[in-house]
PDB file of N, CA and C in Angstrom:
ATOM      1  N   MET A   1       9.769 -21.148   7.003  1.00  0.00           N
ATOM      2  CA  MET A   1      10.876 -20.489   7.664  1.00  0.00           C
ATOM      3  C   MET A   1      10.456 -20.060   9.061  1.00  0.00           C
ATOM      4  N   THR A   2      11.273 -20.355  10.033  1.00  0.00           N
ATOM      5  CA  THR A   2      11.022 -19.907  11.392  1.00  0.00           C
ATOM      6  C   THR A   2      11.477 -18.460  11.509  1.00  0.00           C
ATOM      7  N   THR A   3      10.627 -17.641  12.093  1.00  0.00           N
ATOM      8  CA  THR A   3      11.006 -16.240  12.245  1.00  0.00           C
ATOM      9  C   THR A   3      11.366 -15.966  13.702  1.00  0.00           C
ATOM     10  N   THR A   4      12.359 -15.120  13.865  1.00  0.00           N
ATOM     11  CA  THR A   4      12.773 -14.642  15.176  1.00  0.00           C
ATOM     12  C   THR A   4      12.670 -13.129  15.142  1.00  0.00           C
ATOM     13  N   PRO A   5      12.807 -12.480  16.280  1.00  0.00           N
ATOM     14  CA  PRO A   5      12.726 -11.012  16.258  1.00  0.00           C
ATOM     15  C   PRO A   5      13.751 -10.365  15.325  1.00  0.00           C
ATOM     16  N   ASP A   6      14.864 -11.057  15.032  1.00  0.00           N
ATOM     17  CA  ASP A   6      15.897 -10.487  14.171  1.00  0.00           C
ATOM     18  C   ASP A   6      15.769 -10.908  12.712  1.00  0.00           C
ATOM     19  N   THR A   7      14.797 -11.772  12.376  1.00  0.00           N
ATOM     20  CA  THR A   7      14.634 -12.246  11.010  1.00  0.00           C
ATOM     21  C   THR A   7      14.108 -11.130  10.110  1.00  0.00           C
ATOM     22  N   ILE A   8      14.728 -11.003   8.944  1.00  0.00           N
ATOM     23  CA  ILE A   8      14.265 -10.038   7.945  1.00  0.00           C
ATOM     24  C   ILE A   8      13.990 -10.806   6.663  1.00  0.00           C
ATOM     25  N   GLN A   9      12.781 -10.639   6.115  1.00  0.00           N
ATOM     26  CA  GLN A   9      12.398 -11.243   4.847  1.00  0.00           C
ATOM     27  C   GLN A   9      11.998 -10.135   3.887  1.00  0.00           C
ATOM     28  N   ARG A  10      12.399 -10.287   2.635  1.00  0.00           N
ATOM     29  CA  ARG A  10      12.073  -9.291   1.611  1.00  0.00           C
ATOM     30  C   ARG A  10      11.171  -9.920   0.558  1.00  0.00           C
ATOM     31  N   TYR A  11      10.193  -9.147   0.081  1.00  0.00           N
ATOM     32  CA  TYR A  11       9.218  -9.612  -0.906  1.00  0.00           C
ATOM     33  C   TYR A  11       9.235  -8.683  -2.111  1.00  0.00           C
ATOM     34  N   ALA A  12       8.973  -9.250  -3.287  1.00  0.00           N
ATOM     35  CA  ALA A  12       8.874  -8.474  -4.529  1.00  0.00           C
ATOM     36  C   ALA A  12      10.087  -7.567  -4.704  1.00  0.00           C
ATOM     37  N   GLU A  13      11.268  -8.169  -4.615  1.00  0.00           N
ATOM     38  CA  GLU A  13      12.495  -7.383  -4.752  1.00  0.00           C
ATOM     39  C   GLU A  13      12.671  -6.894  -6.187  1.00  0.00           C
ATOM     40  N   GLU A  14      13.079  -5.653  -6.289  1.00  0.00           N
ATOM     41  CA  GLU A  14      13.371  -5.028  -7.571  1.00  0.00           C
ATOM     42  C   GLU A  14      14.798  -4.504  -7.530  1.00  0.00           C
ATOM     43  N   HIS A  15      15.181  -3.763  -8.540  1.00  0.00           N
ATOM     44  CA  HIS A  15      16.551  -3.263  -8.644  1.00  0.00           C
ATOM     45  C   HIS A  15      16.958  -2.397  -7.442  1.00  0.00           C
ATOM     46  N   ARG A  16      16.084  -1.486  -7.023  1.00  0.00           N
ATOM     47  CA  ARG A  16      16.439  -0.525  -5.976  1.00  0.00           C
ATOM     48  C   ARG A  16      15.732  -0.742  -4.642  1.00  0.00           C
ATOM     49  N   LEU A  17      14.725  -1.603  -4.621  1.00  0.00           N
ATOM     50  CA  LEU A  17      13.941  -1.725  -3.399  1.00  0.00           C
ATOM     51  C   LEU A  17      13.202  -3.047  -3.355  1.00  0.00           C
ATOM     52  N   SER A  18      12.645  -3.316  -2.191  1.00  0.00           N
ATOM     53  CA  SER A  18      11.737  -4.451  -2.021  1.00  0.00           C
ATOM     54  C   SER A  18      10.331  -3.904  -1.909  1.00  0.00           C
ATOM     55  N   GLY A  19       9.361  -4.632  -2.454  1.00  0.00           N
ATOM     56  CA  GLY A  19       7.970  -4.214  -2.353  1.00  0.00           C
ATOM     57  C   GLY A  19       7.472  -4.222  -0.930  1.00  0.00           C
ATOM     58  N   ALA A  20       8.040  -5.115  -0.127  1.00  0.00           N
ATOM     59  CA  ALA A  20       7.700  -5.195   1.294  1.00  0.00           C
ATOM     60  C   ALA A  20       8.849  -5.857   2.026  1.00  0.00           C
ATOM     61  N   VAL A  21       9.003  -5.507   3.293  1.00  0.00           N
ATOM     62  CA  VAL A  21      10.026  -6.097   4.145  1.00  0.00           C
ATOM     63  C   VAL A  21       9.387  -6.465   5.473  1.00  0.00           C
ATOM     64  N   ARG A  22       9.607  -7.732   5.863  1.00  0.00           N
ATOM     65  CA  ARG A  22       9.100  -8.212   7.151  1.00  0.00           C
ATOM     66  C   ARG A  22      10.251  -8.263   8.142  1.00  0.00           C
ATOM     67  N   HIS A  23      10.014  -7.705   9.309  1.00  0.00           N
ATOM     68  CA  HIS A  23      10.950  -7.802  10.423  1.00  0.00           C
ATOM     69  C   HIS A  23      10.159  -8.278  11.627  1.00  0.00           C
ATOM     70  N   GLY A  24      10.455  -9.483  12.088  1.00  0.00           N
ATOM     71  CA  GLY A  24       9.671 -10.048  13.178  1.00  0.00           C
ATOM     72  C   GLY A  24       8.235 -10.225  12.739  1.00  0.00           C
ATOM     73  N   ASN A  25       7.317  -9.639  13.470  1.00  0.00           N
ATOM     74  CA  ASN A  25       5.893  -9.755  13.161  1.00  0.00           C
ATOM     75  C   ASN A  25       5.308  -8.478  12.565  1.00  0.00           C
ATOM     76  N   THR A  26       6.167  -7.675  11.913  1.00  0.00           N
ATOM     77  CA  THR A  26       5.720  -6.436  11.292  1.00  0.00           C
ATOM     78  C   THR A  26       6.134  -6.429   9.827  1.00  0.00           C
ATOM     79  N   LEU A  27       5.214  -6.005   8.966  1.00  0.00           N
ATOM     80  CA  LEU A  27       5.472  -5.914   7.531  1.00  0.00           C
ATOM     81  C   LEU A  27       5.411  -4.447   7.121  1.00  0.00           C
ATOM     82  N   TYR A  28       6.461  -3.994   6.433  1.00  0.00           N
ATOM     83  CA  TYR A  28       6.556  -2.630   5.951  1.00  0.00           C
ATOM     84  C   TYR A  28       6.438  -2.655   4.425  1.00  0.00           C
ATOM     85  N   LEU A  29       5.443  -1.981   3.886  1.00  0.00           N
ATOM     86  CA  LEU A  29       5.256  -1.929   2.436  1.00  0.00           C
ATOM     87  C   LEU A  29       5.890  -0.675   1.870  1.00  0.00           C
ATOM     88  N   ALA A  30       6.615  -0.846   0.779  1.00  0.00           N
ATOM     89  CA  ALA A  30       7.160   0.301   0.052  1.00  0.00           C
ATOM     90  C   ALA A  30       6.005   1.049  -0.603  1.00  0.00           C
ATOM     91  N   GLY A  31       6.281   2.213  -1.107  1.00  0.00           N
ATOM     92  CA  GLY A  31       5.262   2.954  -1.836  1.00  0.00           C
ATOM     93  C   GLY A  31       4.823   2.162  -3.057  1.00  0.00           C
ATOM     94  N   GLN A  32       3.540   1.894  -3.155  1.00  0.00           N
ATOM     95  CA  GLN A  32       2.971   1.138  -4.263  1.00  0.00           C
ATOM     96  C   GLN A  32       2.297   2.111  -5.216  1.00  0.00           C
ATOM     97  N   VAL A  33       2.559   1.924  -6.507  1.00  0.00           N
ATOM     98  CA  VAL A  33       1.942   2.760  -7.538  1.00  0.00           C
ATOM     99  C   VAL A  33       1.228   1.863  -8.538  1.00  0.00           C
ATOM    100  N   ALA A  34       0.352   2.445  -9.312  1.00  0.00           N
ATOM    101  CA  ALA A  34      -0.449   1.675 -10.271  1.00  0.00           C
ATOM    102  C   ALA A  34       0.418   1.077 -11.369  1.00  0.00           C
ATOM    103  N   ASP A  35       0.083  -0.137 -11.768  1.00  0.00           N
ATOM    104  CA  ASP A  35       0.725  -0.759 -12.925  1.00  0.00           C
ATOM    105  C   ASP A  35       0.302  -0.046 -14.202  1.00  0.00           C
ATOM    106  N   ASP A  36      -0.909   0.497 -14.213  1.00  0.00           N
ATOM    107  CA  ASP A  36      -1.449   1.190 -15.383  1.00  0.00           C
ATOM    108  C   ASP A  36      -1.671   2.660 -15.026  1.00  0.00           C
ATOM    109  N   ALA A  37      -0.686   3.484 -15.349  1.00  0.00           N
ATOM    110  CA  ALA A  37      -0.757   4.909 -15.002  1.00  0.00           C
ATOM    111  C   ALA A  37      -1.761   5.678 -15.849  1.00  0.00           C
ATOM    112  N   SER A  38      -2.345   5.039 -16.865  1.00  0.00           N
ATOM    113  CA  SER A  38      -3.346   5.729 -17.675  1.00  0.00           C
ATOM    114  C   SER A  38      -4.714   5.765 -16.995  1.00  0.00           C
ATOM    115  N   LEU A  39      -4.870   5.002 -15.918  1.00  0.00           N
ATOM    116  CA  LEU A  39      -6.138   4.989 -15.177  1.00  0.00           C
ATOM    117  C   LEU A  39      -6.344   6.304 -14.447  1.00  0.00           C
ATOM    118  N   ASP A  40      -7.606   6.630 -14.158  1.00  0.00           N
ATOM    119  CA  ASP A  40      -7.880   7.816 -13.349  1.00  0.00           C
ATOM    120  C   ASP A  40      -7.512   7.512 -11.891  1.00  0.00           C
ATOM    121  N   THR A  41      -7.671   8.483 -11.019  1.00  0.00           N
ATOM    122  CA  THR A  41      -7.272   8.330  -9.619  1.00  0.00           C
ATOM    123  C   THR A  41      -7.976   7.159  -8.947  1.00  0.00           C
ATOM    124  N   GLU A  42      -9.266   7.000  -9.181  1.00  0.00           N
ATOM    125  CA  GLU A  42      -9.988   5.875  -8.585  1.00  0.00           C
ATOM    126  C   GLU A  42      -9.437   4.546  -9.105  1.00  0.00           C
ATOM    127  N   GLY A  43      -9.189   4.459 -10.404  1.00  0.00           N
ATOM    128  CA  GLY A  43      -8.657   3.236 -10.989  1.00  0.00           C
ATOM    129  C   GLY A  43      -7.250   2.930 -10.508  1.00  0.00           C
ATOM    130  N   GLN A  44      -6.398   3.961 -10.413  1.00  0.00           N
ATOM    131  CA  GLN A  44      -5.047   3.747  -9.899  1.00  0.00           C
ATOM    132  C   GLN A  44      -5.102   3.262  -8.454  1.00  0.00           C
ATOM    133  N   THR A  45      -5.972   3.851  -7.660  1.00  0.00           N
ATOM    134  CA  THR A  45      -6.095   3.437  -6.261  1.00  0.00           C
ATOM    135  C   THR A  45      -6.522   1.983  -6.163  1.00  0.00           C
ATOM    136  N   ALA A  46      -7.521   1.592  -6.933  1.00  0.00           N
ATOM    137  CA  ALA A  46      -7.988   0.198  -6.916  1.00  0.00           C
ATOM    138  C   ALA A  46      -6.866  -0.754  -7.318  1.00  0.00           C
ATOM    139  N   ASP A  47      -6.083  -0.367  -8.326  1.00  0.00           N
ATOM    140  CA  ASP A  47      -4.964  -1.186  -8.771  1.00  0.00           C
ATOM    141  C   ASP A  47      -3.920  -1.332  -7.665  1.00  0.00           C
ATOM    142  N   ILE A  48      -3.605  -0.255  -7.002  1.00  0.00           N
ATOM    143  CA  ILE A  48      -2.633  -0.282  -5.907  1.00  0.00           C
ATOM    144  C   ILE A  48      -3.139  -1.153  -4.764  1.00  0.00           C
ATOM    145  N   LEU A  49      -4.396  -1.034  -4.407  1.00  0.00           N
ATOM    146  CA  LEU A  49      -4.953  -1.832  -3.312  1.00  0.00           C
ATOM    147  C   LEU A  49      -4.930  -3.317  -3.649  1.00  0.00           C
ATOM    148  N   ARG A  50      -5.129  -3.655  -4.920  1.00  0.00           N
ATOM    149  CA  ARG A  50      -5.001  -5.047  -5.362  1.00  0.00           C
ATOM    150  C   ARG A  50      -3.563  -5.521  -5.151  1.00  0.00           C
ATOM    151  N   GLN A  51      -2.596  -4.694  -5.490  1.00  0.00           N
ATOM    152  CA  GLN A  51      -1.189  -5.039  -5.297  1.00  0.00           C
ATOM    153  C   GLN A  51      -0.870  -5.216  -3.813  1.00  0.00           C
ATOM    154  N   ILE A  52      -1.435  -4.353  -2.988  1.00  0.00           N
ATOM    155  CA  ILE A  52      -1.218  -4.468  -1.543  1.00  0.00           C
ATOM    156  C   ILE A  52      -1.771  -5.791  -1.036  1.00  0.00           C
ATOM    157  N   ASP A  53      -2.957  -6.182  -1.501  1.00  0.00           N
ATOM    158  CA  ASP A  53      -3.513  -7.482  -1.106  1.00  0.00           C
ATOM    159  C   ASP A  53      -2.552  -8.618  -1.450  1.00  0.00           C
ATOM    160  N   VAL A  54      -1.947  -8.564  -2.628  1.00  0.00           N
ATOM    161  CA  VAL A  54      -1.010  -9.612  -3.055  1.00  0.00           C
ATOM    162  C   VAL A  54       0.199  -9.654  -2.128  1.00  0.00           C
ATOM    163  N   LEU A  55       0.787  -8.500  -1.826  1.00  0.00           N
ATOM    164  CA  LEU A  55       1.948  -8.461  -0.939  1.00  0.00           C
ATOM    165  C   LEU A  55       1.602  -8.951   0.465  1.00  0.00           C
ATOM    166  N   LEU A  56       0.451  -8.523   0.972  1.00  0.00           N
ATOM    167  CA  LEU A  56       0.034  -8.958   2.302  1.00  0.00           C
ATOM    168  C   LEU A  56      -0.132 -10.477   2.346  1.00  0.00           C
ATOM    169  N   THR A  57      -0.768 -11.029   1.334  1.00  0.00           N
ATOM    170  CA  THR A  57      -0.975 -12.479   1.268  1.00  0.00           C
ATOM    171  C   THR A  57       0.359 -13.211   1.195  1.00  0.00           C
ATOM    172  N   GLU A  58       1.253 -12.714   0.355  1.00  0.00           N
ATOM    173  CA  GLU A  58       2.564 -13.349   0.215  1.00  0.00           C
ATOM    174  C   GLU A  58       3.309 -13.389   1.548  1.00  0.00           C
ATOM    175  N   ALA A  59       3.115 -12.375   2.366  1.00  0.00           N
ATOM    176  CA  ALA A  59       3.787 -12.301   3.660  1.00  0.00           C
ATOM    177  C   ALA A  59       3.020 -13.010   4.774  1.00  0.00           C
ATOM    178  N   GLY A  60       1.846 -13.556   4.455  1.00  0.00           N
ATOM    179  CA  GLY A  60       1.085 -14.304   5.449  1.00  0.00           C
ATOM    180  C   GLY A  60       0.165 -13.458   6.300  1.00  0.00           C
ATOM    181  N   THR A  61      -0.298 -12.345   5.764  1.00  0.00           N
ATOM    182  CA  THR A  61      -1.217 -11.495   6.511  1.00  0.00           C
ATOM    183  C   THR A  61      -2.289 -10.979   5.546  1.00  0.00           C
ATOM    184  N   ASP A  62      -3.111 -10.045   5.985  1.00  0.00           N
ATOM    185  CA  ASP A  62      -4.154  -9.483   5.123  1.00  0.00           C
ATOM    186  C   ASP A  62      -4.515  -8.085   5.604  1.00  0.00           C
ATOM    187  N   LYS A  63      -5.432  -7.442   4.878  1.00  0.00           N
ATOM    188  CA  LYS A  63      -5.766  -6.040   5.168  1.00  0.00           C
ATOM    189  C   LYS A  63      -6.389  -5.830   6.543  1.00  0.00           C
ATOM    190  N   THR A  64      -6.900  -6.870   7.180  1.00  0.00           N
ATOM    191  CA  THR A  64      -7.451  -6.713   8.531  1.00  0.00           C
ATOM    192  C   THR A  64      -6.341  -6.466   9.555  1.00  0.00           C
ATOM    193  N   LYS A  65      -5.103  -6.698   9.156  1.00  0.00           N
ATOM    194  CA  LYS A  65      -3.956  -6.514  10.064  1.00  0.00           C
ATOM    195  C   LYS A  65      -3.182  -5.233   9.762  1.00  0.00           C
ATOM    196  N   LEU A  66      -3.709  -4.405   8.846  1.00  0.00           N
ATOM    197  CA  LEU A  66      -3.043  -3.135   8.567  1.00  0.00           C
ATOM    198  C   LEU A  66      -3.065  -2.262   9.822  1.00  0.00           C
ATOM    199  N   LEU A  67      -1.921  -1.680  10.132  1.00  0.00           N
ATOM    200  CA  LEU A  67      -1.806  -0.792  11.288  1.00  0.00           C
ATOM    201  C   LEU A  67      -1.856   0.676  10.872  1.00  0.00           C
ATOM    202  N   SER A  68      -1.147   0.982   9.795  1.00  0.00           N
ATOM    203  CA  SER A  68      -1.007   2.364   9.361  1.00  0.00           C
ATOM    204  C   SER A  68      -0.880   2.410   7.845  1.00  0.00           C
ATOM    205  N   VAL A  69      -1.525   3.397   7.231  1.00  0.00           N
ATOM    206  CA  VAL A  69      -1.473   3.584   5.778  1.00  0.00           C
ATOM    207  C   VAL A  69      -1.228   5.066   5.500  1.00  0.00           C
ATOM    208  N   GLN A  70      -0.353   5.327   4.536  1.00  0.00           N
ATOM    209  CA  GLN A  70      -0.107   6.686   4.074  1.00  0.00           C
ATOM    210  C   GLN A  70      -0.465   6.736   2.593  1.00  0.00           C
ATOM    211  N   VAL A  71      -1.325   7.685   2.245  1.00  0.00           N
ATOM    212  CA  VAL A  71      -1.766   7.864   0.864  1.00  0.00           C
ATOM    213  C   VAL A  71      -1.217   9.193   0.374  1.00  0.00           C
ATOM    214  N   TYR A  72      -0.549   9.137  -0.775  1.00  0.00           N
ATOM    215  CA  TYR A  72       0.012  10.327  -1.393  1.00  0.00           C
ATOM    216  C   TYR A  72      -0.759  10.597  -2.676  1.00  0.00           C
ATOM    217  N   LEU A  73      -1.354  11.783  -2.769  1.00  0.00           N
ATOM    218  CA  LEU A  73      -2.109  12.205  -3.951  1.00  0.00           C
ATOM    219  C   LEU A  73      -1.406  13.386  -4.605  1.00  0.00           C
ATOM    220  N   THR A  74      -1.348  13.387  -5.927  1.00  0.00           N
ATOM    221  CA  THR A  74      -0.757  14.541  -6.607  1.00  0.00           C
ATOM    222  C   THR A  74      -1.721  15.717  -6.654  1.00  0.00           C
ATOM    223  N   ASP A  75      -3.001  15.439  -6.454  1.00  0.00           N
ATOM    224  CA  ASP A  75      -4.026  16.490  -6.467  1.00  0.00           C
ATOM    225  C   ASP A  75      -5.034  16.161  -5.371  1.00  0.00           C
ATOM    226  N   ILE A  76      -4.979  16.882  -4.280  1.00  0.00           N
ATOM    227  CA  ILE A  76      -5.830  16.580  -3.121  1.00  0.00           C
ATOM    228  C   ILE A  76      -7.311  16.703  -3.453  1.00  0.00           C
ATOM    229  N   THR A  77      -7.657  17.426  -4.519  1.00  0.00           N
ATOM    230  CA  THR A  77      -9.069  17.508  -4.896  1.00  0.00           C
ATOM    231  C   THR A  77      -9.580  16.170  -5.427  1.00  0.00           C
ATOM    232  N   GLU A  78      -8.695  15.220  -5.655  1.00  0.00           N
ATOM    233  CA  GLU A  78      -9.068  13.875  -6.105  1.00  0.00           C
ATOM    234  C   GLU A  78      -9.317  12.919  -4.936  1.00  0.00           C
ATOM    235  N   ILE A  79      -9.378  13.444  -3.718  1.00  0.00           N
ATOM    236  CA  ILE A  79      -9.551  12.585  -2.545  1.00  0.00           C
ATOM    237  C   ILE A  79     -10.859  11.791  -2.600  1.00  0.00           C
ATOM    238  N   ASP A  80     -11.919  12.367  -3.136  1.00  0.00           N
ATOM    239  CA  ASP A  80     -13.186  11.623  -3.232  1.00  0.00           C
ATOM    240  C   ASP A  80     -13.046  10.422  -4.163  1.00  0.00           C
ATOM    241  N   ALA A  81     -12.344  10.588  -5.269  1.00  0.00           N
ATOM    242  CA  ALA A  81     -12.119   9.476  -6.204  1.00  0.00           C
ATOM    243  C   ALA A  81     -11.286   8.389  -5.528  1.00  0.00           C
ATOM    244  N   MET A  82     -10.227   8.796  -4.829  1.00  0.00           N
ATOM    245  CA  MET A  82      -9.403   7.831  -4.102  1.00  0.00           C
ATOM    246  C   MET A  82     -10.232   7.122  -3.044  1.00  0.00           C
ATOM    247  N   ASN A  83     -11.048   7.875  -2.311  1.00  0.00           N
ATOM    248  CA  ASN A  83     -11.854   7.281  -1.239  1.00  0.00           C
ATOM    249  C   ASN A  83     -12.917   6.307  -1.762  1.00  0.00           C
ATOM    250  N   ARG A  84     -13.420   6.507  -2.975  1.00  0.00           N
ATOM    251  CA  ARG A  84     -14.379   5.538  -3.531  1.00  0.00           C
ATOM    252  C   ARG A  84     -13.731   4.159  -3.653  1.00  0.00           C
ATOM    253  N   ALA A  85     -12.518   4.119  -4.177  1.00  0.00           N
ATOM    254  CA  ALA A  85     -11.810   2.837  -4.290  1.00  0.00           C
ATOM    255  C   ALA A  85     -11.437   2.312  -2.910  1.00  0.00           C
ATOM    256  N   TRP A  86     -10.984   3.192  -2.039  1.00  0.00           N
ATOM    257  CA  TRP A  86     -10.600   2.807  -0.671  1.00  0.00           C
ATOM    258  C   TRP A  86     -11.795   2.208   0.065  1.00  0.00           C
ATOM    259  N   ASP A  87     -12.931   2.884   0.030  1.00  0.00           N
ATOM    260  CA  ASP A  87     -14.114   2.425   0.755  1.00  0.00           C
ATOM    261  C   ASP A  87     -14.625   1.090   0.222  1.00  0.00           C
ATOM    262  N   ALA A  88     -14.515   0.861  -1.077  1.00  0.00           N
ATOM    263  CA  ALA A  88     -14.937  -0.412  -1.662  1.00  0.00           C
ATOM    264  C   ALA A  88     -14.022  -1.553  -1.228  1.00  0.00           C
ATOM    265  N   TRP A  89     -12.766  -1.252  -0.950  1.00  0.00           N
ATOM    266  CA  TRP A  89     -11.757  -2.255  -0.585  1.00  0.00           C
ATOM    267  C   TRP A  89     -11.649  -2.477   0.918  1.00  0.00           C
ATOM    268  N   LEU A  90     -11.823  -1.437   1.699  1.00  0.00           N
ATOM    269  CA  LEU A  90     -11.586  -1.457   3.142  1.00  0.00           C
ATOM    270  C   LEU A  90     -12.447  -2.474   3.872  1.00  0.00           C
ATOM    271  N   ASP A  91     -11.848  -3.184   4.825  1.00  0.00           N
ATOM    272  CA  ASP A  91     -12.615  -3.997   5.776  1.00  0.00           C
ATOM    273  C   ASP A  91     -13.042  -3.029   6.880  1.00  0.00           C
ATOM    274  N   HIS A  92     -14.298  -2.644   6.871  1.00  0.00           N
ATOM    275  CA  HIS A  92     -14.772  -1.588   7.767  1.00  0.00           C
ATOM    276  C   HIS A  92     -14.753  -1.975   9.242  1.00  0.00           C
ATOM    277  N   ASP A  93     -14.540  -3.236   9.553  1.00  0.00           N
ATOM    278  CA  ASP A  93     -14.396  -3.670  10.945  1.00  0.00           C
ATOM    279  C   ASP A  93     -12.946  -3.623  11.410  1.00  0.00           C
ATOM    280  N   HIS A  94     -12.010  -3.355  10.491  1.00  0.00           N
ATOM    281  CA  HIS A  94     -10.579  -3.357  10.817  1.00  0.00           C
ATOM    282  C   HIS A  94      -9.887  -2.198  10.114  1.00  0.00           C
ATOM    283  N   LYS A  95     -10.291  -0.983  10.454  1.00  0.00           N
ATOM    284  CA  LYS A  95      -9.741   0.203   9.794  1.00  0.00           C
ATOM    285  C   LYS A  95      -8.361   0.550  10.368  1.00  0.00           C
ATOM    286  N   PRO A  96      -7.361   0.775   9.482  1.00  0.00           N
ATOM    287  CA  PRO A  96      -6.050   1.205   9.972  1.00  0.00           C
ATOM    288  C   PRO A  96      -6.035   2.705  10.240  1.00  0.00           C
ATOM    289  N   ALA A  97      -5.003   3.157  10.926  1.00  0.00           N
ATOM    290  CA  ALA A  97      -4.741   4.596  10.987  1.00  0.00           C
ATOM    291  C   ALA A  97      -4.343   5.006   9.575  1.00  0.00           C
ATOM    292  N   ARG A  98      -4.719   6.218   9.155  1.00  0.00           N
ATOM    293  CA  ARG A  98      -4.406   6.634   7.789  1.00  0.00           C
ATOM    294  C   ARG A  98      -4.144   8.122   7.727  1.00  0.00           C
ATOM    295  N   ALA A  99      -3.168   8.487   6.891  1.00  0.00           N
ATOM    296  CA  ALA A  99      -2.905   9.890   6.567  1.00  0.00           C
ATOM    297  C   ALA A  99      -2.951  10.024   5.056  1.00  0.00           C
ATOM    298  N   THR A 100      -3.475  11.147   4.577  1.00  0.00           N
ATOM    299  CA  THR A 100      -3.523  11.423   3.150  1.00  0.00           C
ATOM    300  C   THR A 100      -2.944  12.811   2.929  1.00  0.00           C
ATOM    301  N   VAL A 101      -1.960  12.900   2.038  1.00  0.00           N
ATOM    302  CA  VAL A 101      -1.304  14.180   1.785  1.00  0.00           C
ATOM    303  C   VAL A 101      -1.171  14.421   0.285  1.00  0.00           C
ATOM    304  N   GLU A 102      -1.012  15.678  -0.068  1.00  0.00           N
ATOM    305  CA  GLU A 102      -0.773  16.051  -1.463  1.00  0.00           C
ATOM    306  C   GLU A 102       0.727  16.235  -1.661  1.00  0.00           C
ATOM    307  N   THR A 103       1.240  15.663  -2.746  1.00  0.00           N
ATOM    308  CA  THR A 103       2.664  15.770  -3.051  1.00  0.00           C
ATOM    309  C   THR A 103       2.917  15.471  -4.517  1.00  0.00           C
ATOM    310  N   ARG A 104       4.089  15.793  -5.010  1.00  0.00           N
ATOM    311  CA  ARG A 104       4.495  15.365  -6.344  1.00  0.00           C
ATOM    312  C   ARG A 104       5.029  13.946  -6.231  1.00  0.00           C
ATOM    313  N   LEU A 105       4.846  13.143  -7.288  1.00  0.00           N
ATOM    314  CA  LEU A 105       5.383  11.793  -7.341  1.00  0.00           C
ATOM    315  C   LEU A 105       6.457  11.725  -8.428  1.00  0.00           C
ATOM    316  N   VAL A 106       7.274  10.691  -8.388  1.00  0.00           N
ATOM    317  CA  VAL A 106       8.395  10.557  -9.314  1.00  0.00           C
ATOM    318  C   VAL A 106       7.947  10.597 -10.773  1.00  0.00           C
ATOM    319  N   ASP A 107       6.888   9.865 -11.084  1.00  0.00           N
ATOM    320  CA  ASP A 107       6.363   9.828 -12.454  1.00  0.00           C
ATOM    321  C   ASP A 107       5.113  10.697 -12.502  1.00  0.00           C
ATOM    322  N   PRO A 108       5.091  11.728 -13.331  1.00  0.00           N
ATOM    323  CA  PRO A 108       3.925  12.612 -13.372  1.00  0.00           C
ATOM    324  C   PRO A 108       2.636  11.919 -13.812  1.00  0.00           C
ATOM    325  N   ALA A 109       2.727  10.715 -14.393  1.00  0.00           N
ATOM    326  CA  ALA A 109       1.523   9.977 -14.785  1.00  0.00           C
ATOM    327  C   ALA A 109       0.832   9.341 -13.582  1.00  0.00           C
ATOM    328  N   TRP A 110       1.566   9.138 -12.499  1.00  0.00           N
ATOM    329  CA  TRP A 110       0.957   8.569 -11.295  1.00  0.00           C
ATOM    330  C   TRP A 110       0.186   9.640 -10.546  1.00  0.00           C
ATOM    331  N   SER A 111      -1.008   9.304 -10.098  1.00  0.00           N
ATOM    332  CA  SER A 111      -1.777  10.247  -9.292  1.00  0.00           C
ATOM    333  C   SER A 111      -1.862   9.810  -7.834  1.00  0.00           C
ATOM    334  N   VAL A 112      -1.466   8.564  -7.555  1.00  0.00           N
ATOM    335  CA  VAL A 112      -1.577   8.011  -6.202  1.00  0.00           C
ATOM    336  C   VAL A 112      -0.383   7.122  -5.902  1.00  0.00           C
ATOM    337  N   GLU A 113       0.090   7.178  -4.675  1.00  0.00           N
ATOM    338  CA  GLU A 113       1.061   6.216  -4.155  1.00  0.00           C
ATOM    339  C   GLU A 113       0.629   5.897  -2.733  1.00  0.00           C
ATOM    340  N   ILE A 114       0.723   4.616  -2.362  1.00  0.00           N
ATOM    341  CA  ILE A 114       0.275   4.177  -1.032  1.00  0.00           C
ATOM    342  C   ILE A 114       1.351   3.311  -0.402  1.00  0.00           C
ATOM    343  N   THR A 115       1.644   3.575   0.844  1.00  0.00           N
ATOM    344  CA  THR A 115       2.543   2.739   1.637  1.00  0.00           C
ATOM    345  C   THR A 115       1.822   2.356   2.921  1.00  0.00           C
ATOM    346  N   ALA A 116       2.287   1.293   3.561  1.00  0.00           N
ATOM    347  CA  ALA A 116       1.573   0.812   4.744  1.00  0.00           C
ATOM    348  C   ALA A 116       2.468  -0.003   5.656  1.00  0.00           C
ATOM    349  N   ILE A 117       1.994  -0.213   6.859  1.00  0.00           N
ATOM    350  CA  ILE A 117       2.619  -1.096   7.841  1.00  0.00           C
ATOM    351  C   ILE A 117       1.527  -2.031   8.336  1.00  0.00           C
ATOM    352  N   ALA A 118       1.863  -3.332   8.408  1.00  0.00           N
ATOM    353  CA  ALA A 118       0.881  -4.326   8.845  1.00  0.00           C
ATOM    354  C   ALA A 118       1.503  -5.273   9.863  1.00  0.00           C
ATOM    355  N   ALA A 119       0.669  -5.813  10.709  1.00  0.00           N
ATOM    356  CA  ALA A 119       1.078  -6.885  11.628  1.00  0.00           C
ATOM    357  C   ALA A 119       0.992  -8.218  10.883  1.00  0.00           C
ATOM    358  N   ILE A 120       1.778  -9.156  11.310  1.00  0.00           N
ATOM    359  CA  ILE A 120       1.749 -10.505  10.738  1.00  0.00           C
ATOM    360  C   ILE A 120       0.999 -11.407  11.705  1.00  0.00           C
TER     361      ILE A 120
END
């Protein structure tokens, strides 16, 4: 498909949202949560980062093109656990801007949600 500045592509569409939306050369990822909410914070983070890799690949990009990432934790004291998974996954030569905040999530079993913006 040829893309123009006005082209919009949607990936991993669900009932209420798309997992990612591409507009021009920018990809916007919806909040990603773990497929297995029984995992601890580190495990949920690793699962989410795997999902992000899949969405990025499907859209024709990868984690080296991440521009901005927002991490939502239900318990900020779990930041070290989240960072262990993040550091193992991160391309340290291509670090995105990142914010991490504490908040409640829709499902109390989730401890992490991550959203991002990437270049294509």
